[in-house]
């Protein structure tokens, strides 16, 4: 019985050692050029979070993505998202580089821009495979997987009603 307990703890330690730890990031910087949007910007920034998380065993990397949308004279919203991921291509990628790797990304981004009524600008996505490597954009060992980046972009849809409601 004692050897069974030791074996279970040893197995748990081996599996735990393989788990990667990433920063879970959901942050926005919002600049309101129209006073009617000040409250909405403050609410968005109040929801900023950044904490460490142990990724599930299906994840072998971390991601970090940043982009912004703006409406001249109204607002500029910069978003940073990050968390656990999996993938296989090294590097940080711009929108055009992501689209050349997977053309379907451009279709998704175009559809999202149509829905938002605003262009997604300055998009950059990075992926890495060491603990807490997704502190921000850098050129360390990075991996690409677009699922979470697209989910993050879709999260902007939740912001649109707040901005439209505040402007009206």
N, C-alpha and C. Protein backbone atom coordinates (compact mmCIF):
# COMPACT_ATOMS: atom_id res chain seq x y z
N UNK A 1 0.82 -1.20 0.00
CA UNK A 1 0.00 0.00 0.00
C UNK A 1 0.86 1.26 0.00
N UNK A 2 1.91 1.25 0.81
CA UNK A 2 2.80 2.40 0.89
C UNK A 2 3.45 2.68 -0.47
N UNK A 3 3.84 1.63 -1.20
CA UNK A 3 4.47 1.83 -2.50
C UNK A 3 3.46 2.36 -3.52
N UNK A 4 2.18 2.01 -3.38
CA UNK A 4 1.15 2.52 -4.28
C UNK A 4 0.98 4.02 -4.08
N UNK A 5 0.96 4.47 -2.83
CA UNK A 5 0.84 5.90 -2.52
C UNK A 5 2.05 6.66 -3.07
N UNK A 6 3.24 6.11 -2.89
CA UNK A 6 4.47 6.74 -3.41
C UNK A 6 4.41 6.84 -4.93
N UNK A 7 3.93 5.78 -5.57
CA UNK A 7 3.83 5.76 -7.03
C UNK A 7 2.86 6.83 -7.53
N UNK A 8 1.74 7.00 -6.82
CA UNK A 8 0.75 8.01 -7.22
C UNK A 8 1.35 9.41 -7.09
N UNK A 9 2.04 9.69 -5.98
CA UNK A 9 2.67 11.00 -5.81
C UNK A 9 3.76 11.24 -6.86
N UNK A 10 4.53 10.21 -7.16
CA UNK A 10 5.57 10.33 -8.17
C UNK A 10 4.97 10.62 -9.54
N UNK A 11 3.89 9.90 -9.88
CA UNK A 11 3.20 10.12 -11.15
C UNK A 11 2.64 11.54 -11.22
N UNK A 12 2.04 11.99 -10.13
CA UNK A 12 1.47 13.35 -10.10
C UNK A 12 2.57 14.38 -10.30
N UNK A 13 3.72 14.17 -9.68
CA UNK A 13 4.84 15.10 -9.84
C UNK A 13 5.34 15.13 -11.27
N UNK A 14 5.39 13.99 -11.93
CA UNK A 14 5.84 13.93 -13.32
C UNK A 14 4.87 14.68 -14.22
N UNK A 15 3.56 14.44 -14.04
CA UNK A 15 2.58 15.13 -14.89
C UNK A 15 2.55 16.61 -14.60
N UNK A 16 2.68 16.99 -13.32
CA UNK A 16 2.67 18.39 -12.95
C UNK A 16 3.88 19.12 -13.52
N UNK A 17 5.01 18.44 -13.61
CA UNK A 17 6.23 19.05 -14.13
C UNK A 17 6.07 19.42 -15.60
N UNK A 18 5.20 18.75 -16.33
CA UNK A 18 4.99 19.02 -17.75
C UNK A 18 4.04 20.19 -17.98
N UNK A 19 3.27 20.57 -16.98
CA UNK A 19 2.30 21.65 -17.14
C UNK A 19 3.03 22.97 -17.31
N UNK A 20 2.59 23.75 -18.26
CA UNK A 20 3.18 25.08 -18.48
C UNK A 20 2.33 26.10 -17.72
N UNK A 21 2.97 27.14 -17.23
CA UNK A 21 2.29 28.22 -16.53
C UNK A 21 2.36 29.47 -17.40
N UNK A 22 1.22 30.11 -17.59
CA UNK A 22 1.13 31.31 -18.44
C UNK A 22 0.44 32.42 -17.68
N UNK A 23 0.62 33.64 -18.18
CA UNK A 23 -0.19 34.74 -17.69
C UNK A 23 -1.53 34.69 -18.43
N UNK A 24 -2.61 34.81 -17.69
CA UNK A 24 -3.93 34.99 -18.28
C UNK A 24 -4.15 36.50 -18.31
N UNK A 25 -4.33 37.05 -19.50
CA UNK A 25 -4.35 38.50 -19.66
C UNK A 25 -5.62 38.93 -20.39
N UNK A 26 -6.31 39.88 -19.83
CA UNK A 26 -7.44 40.53 -20.48
C UNK A 26 -7.38 41.99 -20.07
N UNK A 27 -6.77 42.80 -20.92
CA UNK A 27 -6.55 44.21 -20.58
C UNK A 27 -6.95 45.11 -21.74
N UNK A 28 -7.46 46.26 -21.40
CA UNK A 28 -7.76 47.28 -22.40
C UNK A 28 -7.26 48.62 -21.92
N UNK A 29 -6.83 49.43 -22.85
CA UNK A 29 -6.56 50.84 -22.61
C UNK A 29 -7.54 51.58 -23.50
N UNK A 30 -8.34 52.41 -22.92
CA UNK A 30 -9.38 53.10 -23.68
C UNK A 30 -9.18 54.60 -23.53
N UNK A 31 -9.12 55.28 -24.64
CA UNK A 31 -9.03 56.73 -24.65
C UNK A 31 -10.30 57.26 -25.29
N UNK A 32 -11.02 58.06 -24.54
CA UNK A 32 -12.26 58.65 -25.03
C UNK A 32 -11.97 60.06 -25.52
N UNK A 33 -12.27 60.32 -26.77
CA UNK A 33 -12.13 61.67 -27.33
C UNK A 33 -13.45 62.43 -27.24
N UNK A 34 -14.50 61.72 -26.91
CA UNK A 34 -15.83 62.29 -26.75
C UNK A 34 -16.22 62.10 -25.28
N UNK A 35 -16.59 63.14 -24.59
CA UNK A 35 -16.86 63.07 -23.15
C UNK A 35 -17.97 62.07 -22.82
N UNK A 36 -18.85 61.78 -23.77
CA UNK A 36 -19.91 60.81 -23.51
C UNK A 36 -19.37 59.40 -23.36
N UNK A 37 -18.11 59.16 -23.75
CA UNK A 37 -17.52 57.82 -23.67
C UNK A 37 -16.61 57.63 -22.46
N UNK A 38 -16.39 58.66 -21.68
CA UNK A 38 -15.48 58.56 -20.54
C UNK A 38 -15.88 57.44 -19.58
N UNK A 39 -17.14 57.35 -19.24
CA UNK A 39 -17.61 56.33 -18.31
C UNK A 39 -17.42 54.93 -18.89
N UNK A 40 -17.72 54.75 -20.16
CA UNK A 40 -17.55 53.44 -20.79
C UNK A 40 -16.08 53.03 -20.79
N UNK A 41 -15.19 53.97 -21.08
CA UNK A 41 -13.76 53.66 -21.05
C UNK A 41 -13.31 53.28 -19.64
N UNK A 42 -13.77 54.02 -18.65
CA UNK A 42 -13.40 53.70 -17.27
C UNK A 42 -13.89 52.31 -16.88
N UNK A 43 -15.10 51.96 -17.30
CA UNK A 43 -15.65 50.63 -16.99
C UNK A 43 -14.83 49.53 -17.65
N UNK A 44 -14.42 49.75 -18.89
CA UNK A 44 -13.61 48.74 -19.59
C UNK A 44 -12.27 48.54 -18.90
N UNK A 45 -11.62 49.62 -18.54
CA UNK A 45 -10.31 49.53 -17.90
C UNK A 45 -10.41 48.94 -16.49
N UNK A 46 -11.53 49.13 -15.82
CA UNK A 46 -11.72 48.58 -14.47
C UNK A 46 -11.76 47.06 -14.51
N UNK A 47 -12.09 46.49 -15.64
CA UNK A 47 -12.17 45.03 -15.78
C UNK A 47 -10.86 44.37 -16.16
N UNK A 48 -9.75 45.13 -16.21
CA UNK A 48 -8.46 44.55 -16.59
C UNK A 48 -8.03 43.48 -15.60
N UNK A 49 -7.53 42.36 -16.13
CA UNK A 49 -7.01 41.29 -15.27
C UNK A 49 -5.71 40.74 -15.85
N UNK A 50 -4.83 40.32 -14.96
CA UNK A 50 -3.59 39.64 -15.33
C UNK A 50 -3.20 38.78 -14.13
N UNK A 51 -3.16 37.49 -14.32
CA UNK A 51 -2.78 36.57 -13.26
C UNK A 51 -2.12 35.34 -13.87
N UNK A 52 -1.45 34.55 -13.04
CA UNK A 52 -0.80 33.34 -13.55
C UNK A 52 -1.79 32.18 -13.47
N UNK A 53 -1.66 31.28 -14.44
CA UNK A 53 -2.49 30.08 -14.43
C UNK A 53 -1.68 28.88 -14.89
N UNK A 54 -1.93 27.74 -14.28
CA UNK A 54 -1.33 26.49 -14.74
C UNK A 54 -2.22 25.97 -15.85
N UNK A 55 -1.64 25.77 -17.01
CA UNK A 55 -2.41 25.38 -18.18
C UNK A 55 -2.83 23.92 -18.12
N UNK A 56 -3.91 23.57 -18.81
CA UNK A 56 -4.30 22.17 -18.89
C UNK A 56 -3.25 21.38 -19.68
N UNK A 57 -3.26 20.08 -19.52
CA UNK A 57 -2.25 19.24 -20.17
C UNK A 57 -2.29 19.34 -21.70
N UNK A 58 -3.42 19.75 -22.27
CA UNK A 58 -3.50 19.89 -23.73
C UNK A 58 -2.76 21.12 -24.25
N UNK A 59 -2.36 22.03 -23.34
CA UNK A 59 -1.63 23.23 -23.74
C UNK A 59 -0.14 23.00 -23.59
N UNK A 60 0.61 23.46 -24.59
CA UNK A 60 2.07 23.37 -24.51
C UNK A 60 2.74 24.71 -24.69
N UNK A 61 1.94 25.78 -24.70
CA UNK A 61 2.51 27.10 -24.91
C UNK A 61 1.59 28.18 -24.37
N UNK A 62 2.10 29.41 -24.40
CA UNK A 62 1.35 30.59 -23.98
C UNK A 62 1.20 31.51 -25.20
N UNK A 63 0.20 32.37 -25.18
CA UNK A 63 0.04 33.34 -26.26
C UNK A 63 -0.14 34.74 -25.68
N UNK A 64 0.15 35.72 -26.53
CA UNK A 64 -0.05 37.12 -26.20
C UNK A 64 -0.40 37.82 -27.51
N UNK A 65 -1.45 38.59 -27.50
CA UNK A 65 -1.86 39.30 -28.71
C UNK A 65 -2.28 40.72 -28.33
N UNK A 66 -1.99 41.65 -29.21
CA UNK A 66 -2.40 43.04 -29.00
C UNK A 66 -2.91 43.61 -30.32
N UNK A 67 -3.86 44.50 -30.22
CA UNK A 67 -4.44 45.16 -31.39
C UNK A 67 -5.25 46.36 -30.89
N UNK A 68 -5.69 47.20 -31.80
CA UNK A 68 -6.55 48.30 -31.39
C UNK A 68 -7.60 48.58 -32.45
N UNK A 69 -8.67 49.18 -31.99
CA UNK A 69 -9.72 49.69 -32.88
C UNK A 69 -9.93 51.14 -32.47
N UNK A 70 -10.36 51.93 -33.41
CA UNK A 70 -10.62 53.32 -33.07
C UNK A 70 -11.68 53.88 -34.00
N UNK A 71 -12.31 54.90 -33.50
CA UNK A 71 -13.28 55.67 -34.27
C UNK A 71 -12.84 57.12 -34.12
N UNK A 72 -12.31 57.72 -35.18
CA UNK A 72 -11.79 59.09 -35.07
C UNK A 72 -12.80 60.03 -34.40
N UNK A 73 -12.29 60.77 -33.44
CA UNK A 73 -13.12 61.73 -32.72
C UNK A 73 -13.93 61.12 -31.58
N UNK A 74 -13.98 59.78 -31.49
CA UNK A 74 -14.77 59.14 -30.43
C UNK A 74 -13.90 58.38 -29.43
N UNK A 75 -13.13 57.38 -29.90
CA UNK A 75 -12.36 56.56 -28.97
C UNK A 75 -11.22 55.83 -29.69
N UNK A 76 -10.30 55.34 -28.89
CA UNK A 76 -9.27 54.39 -29.33
C UNK A 76 -9.20 53.34 -28.22
N UNK A 77 -9.38 52.09 -28.59
CA UNK A 77 -9.38 50.98 -27.65
C UNK A 77 -8.25 50.02 -28.02
N UNK A 78 -7.28 49.89 -27.14
CA UNK A 78 -6.18 48.94 -27.33
C UNK A 78 -6.46 47.74 -26.43
N UNK A 79 -6.40 46.55 -27.00
CA UNK A 79 -6.67 45.32 -26.25
C UNK A 79 -5.44 44.44 -26.22
N UNK A 80 -5.22 43.81 -25.07
CA UNK A 80 -4.16 42.82 -24.89
C UNK A 80 -4.80 41.58 -24.29
N UNK A 81 -4.58 40.45 -24.94
CA UNK A 81 -5.12 39.19 -24.44
C UNK A 81 -4.00 38.16 -24.39
N UNK A 82 -4.12 37.24 -23.48
CA UNK A 82 -3.10 36.20 -23.37
C UNK A 82 -3.60 35.05 -22.53
N UNK A 83 -2.89 33.92 -22.64
CA UNK A 83 -3.25 32.75 -21.86
C UNK A 83 -2.57 31.49 -22.37
N UNK A 84 -3.20 30.37 -22.11
CA UNK A 84 -2.68 29.06 -22.50
C UNK A 84 -3.01 28.75 -23.95
N UNK A 85 -2.16 27.98 -24.60
CA UNK A 85 -2.32 27.69 -26.02
C UNK A 85 -1.54 26.44 -26.38
N UNK A 86 -1.63 26.05 -27.62
CA UNK A 86 -0.80 24.99 -28.18
C UNK A 86 -0.49 25.39 -29.62
N UNK A 87 0.60 24.91 -30.17
CA UNK A 87 0.95 25.29 -31.53
C UNK A 87 2.31 24.78 -31.93
N UNK A 88 2.77 25.20 -33.13
CA UNK A 88 4.01 24.63 -33.63
C UNK A 88 4.88 25.55 -34.46
N UNK A 89 4.50 26.79 -34.69
CA UNK A 89 5.29 27.67 -35.55
C UNK A 89 5.91 28.77 -34.69
N UNK A 90 7.23 28.94 -34.77
CA UNK A 90 7.93 29.94 -33.97
C UNK A 90 7.74 31.35 -34.53
N UNK A 91 7.61 32.36 -33.65
CA UNK A 91 7.63 33.75 -34.07
C UNK A 91 6.48 34.60 -33.59
N UNK A 92 6.64 35.90 -33.74
CA UNK A 92 5.56 36.87 -33.56
C UNK A 92 5.05 37.22 -34.94
N UNK A 93 3.77 37.48 -35.06
CA UNK A 93 3.17 37.63 -36.37
C UNK A 93 2.28 38.86 -36.45
N UNK A 94 2.40 39.58 -37.56
CA UNK A 94 1.50 40.68 -37.87
C UNK A 94 0.26 40.10 -38.55
N UNK A 95 -0.71 40.94 -38.80
CA UNK A 95 -1.93 40.48 -39.48
C UNK A 95 -1.61 39.87 -40.84
N UNK A 96 -0.76 40.53 -41.62
CA UNK A 96 -0.46 40.00 -42.96
C UNK A 96 0.29 38.67 -42.87
N UNK A 97 1.18 38.54 -41.88
CA UNK A 97 1.90 37.27 -41.72
C UNK A 97 0.96 36.16 -41.28
N UNK A 98 0.04 36.47 -40.37
CA UNK A 98 -0.94 35.47 -39.95
C UNK A 98 -1.79 35.03 -41.14
N UNK A 99 -2.20 35.99 -41.95
CA UNK A 99 -3.04 35.68 -43.10
C UNK A 99 -2.30 34.86 -44.15
N UNK A 100 -0.99 35.07 -44.28
CA UNK A 100 -0.24 34.27 -45.26
C UNK A 100 -0.06 32.84 -44.75
N UNK A 101 -0.03 32.65 -43.43
CA UNK A 101 0.06 31.30 -42.86
C UNK A 101 -1.28 30.59 -43.00
N UNK A 102 -2.36 31.30 -42.70
CA UNK A 102 -3.70 30.73 -42.78
C UNK A 102 -4.66 31.78 -43.34
N UNK A 103 -4.96 31.70 -44.65
CA UNK A 103 -5.82 32.72 -45.29
C UNK A 103 -7.21 32.85 -44.66
N UNK A 104 -7.69 31.82 -43.97
CA UNK A 104 -9.01 31.92 -43.35
C UNK A 104 -9.04 32.96 -42.23
N UNK A 105 -7.88 33.28 -41.67
CA UNK A 105 -7.81 34.30 -40.62
C UNK A 105 -8.28 35.64 -41.15
N UNK A 106 -7.87 35.98 -42.36
CA UNK A 106 -8.26 37.26 -42.96
C UNK A 106 -9.77 37.35 -43.14
N UNK A 107 -10.39 36.24 -43.52
CA UNK A 107 -11.85 36.21 -43.69
C UNK A 107 -12.53 36.49 -42.34
N UNK A 108 -12.04 35.84 -41.28
CA UNK A 108 -12.61 36.04 -39.95
C UNK A 108 -12.43 37.49 -39.51
N UNK A 109 -11.24 38.04 -39.72
CA UNK A 109 -10.97 39.43 -39.32
C UNK A 109 -11.82 40.41 -40.13
N UNK A 110 -11.97 40.17 -41.43
CA UNK A 110 -12.82 41.03 -42.26
C UNK A 110 -14.27 41.00 -41.78
N UNK A 111 -14.77 39.81 -41.46
CA UNK A 111 -16.14 39.69 -40.95
C UNK A 111 -16.29 40.42 -39.62
N UNK A 112 -15.29 40.28 -38.76
CA UNK A 112 -15.34 40.95 -37.47
C UNK A 112 -15.33 42.47 -37.65
N UNK A 113 -14.51 42.97 -38.56
CA UNK A 113 -14.47 44.41 -38.82
C UNK A 113 -15.82 44.90 -39.35
N UNK A 114 -16.45 44.11 -40.21
CA UNK A 114 -17.79 44.49 -40.71
C UNK A 114 -18.78 44.58 -39.56
N UNK A 115 -18.70 43.62 -38.65
CA UNK A 115 -19.61 43.60 -37.50
C UNK A 115 -19.35 44.78 -36.57
N UNK A 116 -18.07 45.06 -36.32
CA UNK A 116 -17.70 46.17 -35.43
C UNK A 116 -17.91 47.52 -36.08
N UNK A 117 -17.83 47.56 -37.39
CA UNK A 117 -17.89 48.83 -38.10
C UNK A 117 -16.62 49.64 -37.91
N UNK A 118 -15.52 48.96 -37.60
CA UNK A 118 -14.25 49.62 -37.35
C UNK A 118 -13.12 48.67 -37.75
N UNK A 119 -12.00 49.24 -38.19
CA UNK A 119 -10.86 48.41 -38.58
C UNK A 119 -10.04 47.97 -37.37
N UNK A 120 -9.62 46.71 -37.39
CA UNK A 120 -8.69 46.20 -36.40
C UNK A 120 -7.30 46.59 -36.89
N UNK A 121 -6.54 47.29 -36.05
CA UNK A 121 -5.25 47.82 -36.47
C UNK A 121 -4.15 47.35 -35.54
N UNK A 122 -2.94 47.32 -36.04
CA UNK A 122 -1.77 47.01 -35.23
C UNK A 122 -1.78 45.61 -34.64
N UNK A 123 -2.45 44.68 -35.29
CA UNK A 123 -2.56 43.32 -34.76
C UNK A 123 -1.20 42.64 -34.76
N UNK A 124 -0.83 42.09 -33.62
CA UNK A 124 0.36 41.27 -33.50
C UNK A 124 0.07 40.16 -32.51
N UNK A 125 0.47 38.94 -32.87
CA UNK A 125 0.25 37.77 -32.01
C UNK A 125 1.56 37.02 -31.84
N UNK A 126 1.85 36.63 -30.60
CA UNK A 126 3.06 35.88 -30.29
C UNK A 126 2.70 34.67 -29.44
N UNK A 127 3.49 33.61 -29.62
CA UNK A 127 3.28 32.38 -28.88
C UNK A 127 4.62 31.84 -28.42
N UNK A 128 4.69 31.30 -27.20
CA UNK A 128 5.96 30.84 -26.63
C UNK A 128 5.73 29.58 -25.81
N UNK A 129 6.82 28.86 -25.54
CA UNK A 129 6.65 27.57 -24.88
C UNK A 129 7.44 27.42 -23.58
N UNK A 130 7.63 28.50 -22.85
CA UNK A 130 8.26 28.40 -21.53
C UNK A 130 7.36 29.10 -20.50
N UNK A 131 7.54 28.75 -19.26
CA UNK A 131 6.69 29.30 -18.19
C UNK A 131 6.73 30.83 -18.16
N UNK A 132 5.54 31.42 -18.09
CA UNK A 132 5.36 32.87 -17.94
C UNK A 132 6.09 33.68 -19.01
N UNK A 133 6.15 33.14 -20.20
CA UNK A 133 6.84 33.81 -21.31
C UNK A 133 5.97 34.84 -22.01
N UNK A 134 4.67 34.89 -21.71
CA UNK A 134 3.76 35.78 -22.44
C UNK A 134 3.50 37.09 -21.68
N UNK A 135 4.57 37.71 -21.23
CA UNK A 135 4.43 38.99 -20.52
C UNK A 135 4.13 40.14 -21.47
N UNK A 136 4.47 39.99 -22.72
CA UNK A 136 4.25 41.01 -23.73
C UNK A 136 4.90 40.56 -25.02
N UNK A 137 4.87 41.41 -26.01
CA UNK A 137 5.43 41.04 -27.31
C UNK A 137 6.94 41.02 -27.25
N UNK A 138 7.52 39.93 -27.71
CA UNK A 138 8.97 39.79 -27.77
C UNK A 138 9.31 38.74 -28.82
N UNK A 139 10.57 38.53 -29.06
CA UNK A 139 10.99 37.56 -30.07
C UNK A 139 11.60 36.32 -29.44
N UNK A 140 11.15 35.93 -28.23
CA UNK A 140 11.66 34.68 -27.68
C UNK A 140 10.97 33.50 -28.38
N UNK A 141 11.25 32.29 -27.97
CA UNK A 141 10.74 31.10 -28.64
C UNK A 141 9.22 31.12 -28.69
N UNK A 142 8.64 31.42 -29.84
CA UNK A 142 7.20 31.65 -29.94
C UNK A 142 6.52 30.67 -30.88
N UNK A 143 5.28 30.33 -30.55
CA UNK A 143 4.50 29.37 -31.32
C UNK A 143 3.19 30.02 -31.76
N UNK A 144 2.67 29.59 -32.91
CA UNK A 144 1.45 30.18 -33.44
C UNK A 144 0.27 29.23 -33.34
N UNK A 145 -0.82 29.72 -32.87
CA UNK A 145 -2.12 29.06 -32.94
C UNK A 145 -3.14 30.17 -32.87
N UNK A 146 -4.10 30.23 -33.77
CA UNK A 146 -4.95 31.41 -33.88
C UNK A 146 -6.27 31.33 -33.15
N UNK A 147 -6.66 30.19 -32.65
CA UNK A 147 -7.99 30.05 -32.04
C UNK A 147 -8.24 31.08 -30.95
N UNK A 148 -7.35 31.21 -29.97
CA UNK A 148 -7.58 32.13 -28.87
C UNK A 148 -7.50 33.58 -29.33
N UNK A 149 -6.64 33.88 -30.29
CA UNK A 149 -6.56 35.24 -30.79
C UNK A 149 -7.90 35.64 -31.39
N UNK A 150 -8.50 34.75 -32.17
CA UNK A 150 -9.78 35.05 -32.80
C UNK A 150 -10.87 35.18 -31.74
N UNK A 151 -10.84 34.33 -30.73
CA UNK A 151 -11.79 34.44 -29.62
C UNK A 151 -11.64 35.81 -28.95
N UNK A 152 -10.40 36.26 -28.76
CA UNK A 152 -10.16 37.57 -28.17
C UNK A 152 -10.72 38.69 -29.03
N UNK A 153 -10.54 38.56 -30.33
CA UNK A 153 -11.09 39.58 -31.23
C UNK A 153 -12.61 39.58 -31.16
N UNK A 154 -13.19 38.40 -31.11
CA UNK A 154 -14.65 38.31 -31.01
C UNK A 154 -15.15 38.92 -29.71
N UNK A 155 -14.32 38.90 -28.68
CA UNK A 155 -14.71 39.50 -27.40
C UNK A 155 -14.96 40.99 -27.56
N UNK A 156 -14.38 41.61 -28.56
CA UNK A 156 -14.64 43.03 -28.81
C UNK A 156 -16.11 43.27 -29.14
N UNK A 157 -16.78 42.26 -29.65
CA UNK A 157 -18.21 42.41 -29.94
C UNK A 157 -18.98 42.76 -28.67
N UNK A 158 -18.51 42.27 -27.55
CA UNK A 158 -19.17 42.59 -26.28
C UNK A 158 -18.99 44.06 -25.92
N UNK A 159 -17.92 44.67 -26.40
CA UNK A 159 -17.65 46.07 -26.10
C UNK A 159 -18.49 47.01 -26.97
N UNK A 160 -18.83 46.56 -28.15
CA UNK A 160 -19.53 47.42 -29.10
C UNK A 160 -20.85 47.97 -28.55
N UNK A 161 -21.72 47.14 -27.95
CA UNK A 161 -22.96 47.72 -27.42
C UNK A 161 -22.71 48.79 -26.35
N UNK A 162 -21.69 48.62 -25.54
CA UNK A 162 -21.38 49.62 -24.50
C UNK A 162 -21.02 50.94 -25.17
N UNK A 163 -20.17 50.87 -26.18
CA UNK A 163 -19.73 52.08 -26.87
C UNK A 163 -20.89 52.72 -27.61
N UNK A 164 -21.68 51.94 -28.36
CA UNK A 164 -22.79 52.49 -29.12
C UNK A 164 -23.84 53.08 -28.18
N UNK A 165 -24.15 52.39 -27.08
CA UNK A 165 -25.14 52.86 -26.13
C UNK A 165 -24.70 54.19 -25.52
N UNK A 166 -23.44 54.30 -25.20
CA UNK A 166 -22.94 55.50 -24.55
C UNK A 166 -22.95 56.69 -25.51
N UNK A 167 -22.69 56.43 -26.79
CA UNK A 167 -22.64 57.50 -27.77
C UNK A 167 -24.03 58.04 -28.09
N UNK A 168 -25.00 57.16 -28.09
CA UNK A 168 -26.37 57.55 -28.51
C UNK A 168 -27.05 58.44 -27.52
